[in-house]
Amino acid sequence: MSDDNSAGESPAIVQRGLYYDELEIGARYQHRPGRTATEADNVLFSSLTMNTQALHLDAAFSATQPFGERLMNSMWTLATMVGASVSQITQGTLVAQLGLSDISFPAPLLHGDTLYTETEVVDKRLSASRPGQGIVTLRHTGRNQRGETVAVATRIALMWCAPGGEEGPA
């Protein structure tokens, strides 16, 4: 399908995230669908990242520990939370991720749990040094299917302003 409308076709719509100008402080985005964590996810992610923590890989050992079973790798949880937000918030509108902070895992995520992610826009400001770009602070919260918070992280992102929108520092 052509991107032009010369043959009378409907214009193509490209899915994208939100530009800096479209993000509002206090807005909350619930990312769906959720993602059910599997044993395969845990073993593959832990192996790919060279994380040999027995709490992720050794069922017999984990059975003797406080939670009584293997825990999902917390870095999988963090990466999946951020990933869940991409299509709705940053796809094609992100310049760069600048940092992650205030990361916590208040409850474990287990094999078979479904991770649901919500993102809140906490702060935003135009970049003082990069015209046409703005810095946005996002708070990602992950909850399991029972509504228990399993992870929270603050993310700083450098975002594009909308074409023809805000062009420079305030």
Protein backbone atom coordinates (compact mmCIF):
# COMPACT_ATOMS: atom_id res chain seq x y z
CA MET A 1 0.00 0.00 0.00
CA SER A 2 1.35 3.40 -0.95
CA ASP A 3 1.70 6.15 1.62
CA ASP A 4 0.21 8.70 -0.77
CA ASN A 5 -3.49 9.12 -1.41
CA SER A 6 -3.24 9.51 -5.19
CA ALA A 7 -5.43 6.49 -5.98
CA GLY A 8 -8.25 7.63 -3.70
CA GLU A 9 -7.25 5.20 -0.95
CA SER A 10 -7.62 6.10 2.69
CA PRO A 11 -4.41 7.58 4.12
CA ALA A 12 -2.11 5.18 5.94
CA ILE A 13 -1.99 5.64 9.70
CA VAL A 14 1.29 4.78 11.38
CA GLN A 15 1.07 3.72 15.02
CA ARG A 16 3.25 5.88 17.25
CA GLY A 17 3.76 6.92 20.82
CA LEU A 18 3.04 10.39 22.14
CA TYR A 19 5.07 13.51 21.51
CA TYR A 20 6.29 15.63 24.42
CA ASP A 21 3.48 18.12 23.74
CA GLU A 22 0.82 15.38 24.03
CA LEU A 23 1.94 14.14 27.45
CA GLU A 24 0.17 15.70 30.43
CA ILE A 25 1.48 15.64 34.00
CA GLY A 26 -0.77 13.38 36.06
CA ALA A 27 -2.01 11.36 33.08
CA ARG A 28 -2.04 7.60 33.74
CA TYR A 29 -1.81 5.01 31.00
CA GLN A 30 -2.87 1.42 31.60
CA HIS A 31 -1.00 -0.82 29.18
CA ARG A 32 -2.89 -3.83 27.94
CA PRO A 33 -2.75 -6.70 27.39
CA GLY A 34 -0.87 -7.87 30.46
CA ARG A 35 1.98 -10.36 30.18
CA THR A 36 1.84 -13.73 31.91
CA ALA A 37 5.30 -14.65 33.23
CA THR A 38 6.40 -18.17 32.35
CA GLU A 39 9.12 -20.48 33.54
CA ALA A 40 10.63 -20.29 30.04
CA ASP A 41 10.77 -16.48 30.24
CA ASN A 42 12.57 -16.68 33.58
CA VAL A 43 15.13 -19.32 32.56
CA LEU A 44 15.84 -17.74 29.16
CA PHE A 45 16.14 -14.17 30.48
CA SER A 46 18.32 -15.25 33.41
CA SER A 47 20.55 -17.30 31.10
CA LEU A 48 20.82 -14.58 28.43
CA THR A 49 21.85 -12.02 31.06
CA MET A 50 24.27 -14.42 32.79
CA ASN A 51 22.30 -14.17 36.04
CA THR A 52 22.88 -17.50 37.76
CA GLN A 53 20.89 -16.62 40.89
CA ALA A 54 19.52 -19.91 42.23
CA LEU A 55 16.26 -18.16 43.21
CA HIS A 56 15.50 -17.96 39.46
CA LEU A 57 16.89 -21.28 38.25
CA ASP A 58 16.96 -23.90 41.01
CA ALA A 59 13.52 -25.19 42.03
CA ALA A 60 14.84 -27.45 44.79
CA PHE A 61 16.87 -24.65 46.42
CA SER A 62 14.06 -22.10 46.00
CA ALA A 63 11.62 -24.46 47.73
CA THR A 64 13.72 -24.08 50.91
CA GLN A 65 13.67 -20.27 50.77
CA PRO A 66 11.08 -17.84 52.23
CA PHE A 67 8.82 -17.71 49.13
CA GLY A 68 8.95 -21.49 48.61
CA GLU A 69 9.37 -21.33 44.85
CA ARG A 70 11.42 -19.69 42.11
CA LEU A 71 10.97 -15.95 41.67
CA MET A 72 10.83 -14.18 38.32
CA ASN A 73 14.05 -12.33 37.60
CA SER A 74 13.37 -8.76 38.73
CA MET A 75 15.20 -7.38 35.69
CA TRP A 76 12.72 -9.27 33.48
CA THR A 77 9.93 -7.59 35.41
CA LEU A 78 11.52 -4.15 34.97
CA ALA A 79 12.23 -4.66 31.25
CA THR A 80 8.72 -5.98 30.64
CA MET A 81 7.15 -2.99 32.42
CA VAL A 82 9.12 -0.54 30.30
CA GLY A 83 8.44 -2.59 27.17
CA ALA A 84 4.69 -2.62 27.84
CA SER A 85 4.68 1.19 27.68
CA VAL A 86 6.48 1.56 24.35
CA SER A 87 3.65 1.27 21.83
CA GLN A 88 1.41 3.64 23.77
CA ILE A 89 3.96 6.26 24.89
CA THR A 90 7.39 6.21 23.23
CA GLN A 91 7.21 4.32 19.90
CA GLY A 92 8.84 6.64 17.37
CA THR A 93 8.70 9.64 19.72
CA LEU A 94 11.59 8.76 22.04
CA VAL A 95 15.00 10.32 21.40
CA ALA A 96 16.74 8.42 24.21
CA GLN A 97 16.21 6.89 27.61
CA LEU A 98 18.19 9.02 30.06
CA GLY A 99 17.88 7.00 33.23
CA LEU A 100 16.02 4.78 35.64
CA SER A 101 15.79 5.41 39.38
CA ASP A 102 13.74 4.68 42.49
CA ILE A 103 13.35 1.05 41.41
CA SER A 104 11.71 -1.25 43.92
CA PHE A 105 10.19 -4.72 43.98
CA PRO A 106 7.82 -4.76 46.97
CA ALA A 107 6.40 -8.23 46.22
CA PRO A 108 7.63 -11.14 44.13
CA LEU A 109 6.40 -11.98 40.64
CA LEU A 110 6.04 -15.74 40.22
CA HIS A 111 5.74 -18.13 37.29
CA GLY A 112 2.13 -17.98 36.13
CA ASP A 113 1.48 -14.46 37.44
CA THR A 114 0.28 -11.87 34.94
CA LEU A 115 2.06 -8.52 35.00
CA TYR A 116 -0.10 -5.46 34.33
CA THR A 117 1.69 -2.15 33.87
CA GLU A 118 0.54 1.42 34.40
CA THR A 119 2.57 4.54 33.58
CA GLU A 120 2.03 7.96 35.12
CA VAL A 121 3.52 11.15 33.69
CA VAL A 122 5.16 12.70 36.77
CA ASP A 123 6.98 15.72 35.32
CA LYS A 124 8.08 17.28 32.05
CA ARG A 125 10.13 20.19 30.83
CA LEU A 126 11.54 21.36 27.55
CA SER A 127 15.22 20.64 27.04
CA ALA A 128 17.43 23.68 27.57
CA SER A 129 20.11 22.36 25.19
CA ARG A 130 18.15 20.38 22.57
CA PRO A 131 15.52 22.45 20.73
CA GLY A 132 12.51 20.42 19.68
CA GLN A 133 12.96 17.94 22.51
CA GLY A 134 11.69 17.63 26.07
CA ILE A 135 12.53 15.65 29.19
CA VAL A 136 9.71 13.58 30.65
CA THR A 137 9.63 11.74 33.98
CA LEU A 138 7.51 8.59 33.94
CA ARG A 139 6.60 6.31 36.84
CA HIS A 140 5.96 2.70 35.82
CA THR A 141 4.04 0.50 38.25
CA GLY A 142 3.64 -3.24 37.76
CA ARG A 143 0.90 -5.22 39.48
CA ASN A 144 0.04 -8.90 39.38
CA GLN A 145 -3.42 -10.28 38.61
CA ARG A 146 -4.40 -9.83 42.28
CA GLY A 147 -3.58 -6.10 42.15
CA GLU A 148 -0.46 -6.45 44.32
CA THR A 149 2.33 -4.04 43.38
CA VAL A 150 5.33 -6.10 42.30
CA ALA A 151 7.53 -3.34 40.86
CA VAL A 152 7.86 0.44 40.62
CA ALA A 153 10.42 2.43 38.63
CA THR A 154 10.94 6.05 37.68
CA ARG A 155 12.17 6.59 34.12
CA ILE A 156 13.56 9.75 32.56
CA ALA A 157 13.06 9.97 28.80
CA LEU A 158 14.14 12.49 26.18
CA MET A 159 11.17 12.89 23.85
CA TRP A 160 10.57 14.61 20.54
CA CYS A 161 8.22 17.59 20.45
CA ALA A 162 5.47 17.34 17.85
CA PRO A 163 6.43 18.58 14.40
CA GLY A 164 5.43 22.24 14.37
CA GLY A 165 4.87 22.13 18.15
CA GLU A 166 7.01 23.50 20.96
CA GLU A 167 10.42 24.19 19.47
CA GLY A 168 12.77 25.15 22.24
CA PRO A 169 13.49 25.84 25.87
CA ALA A 170 10.94 27.69 27.94
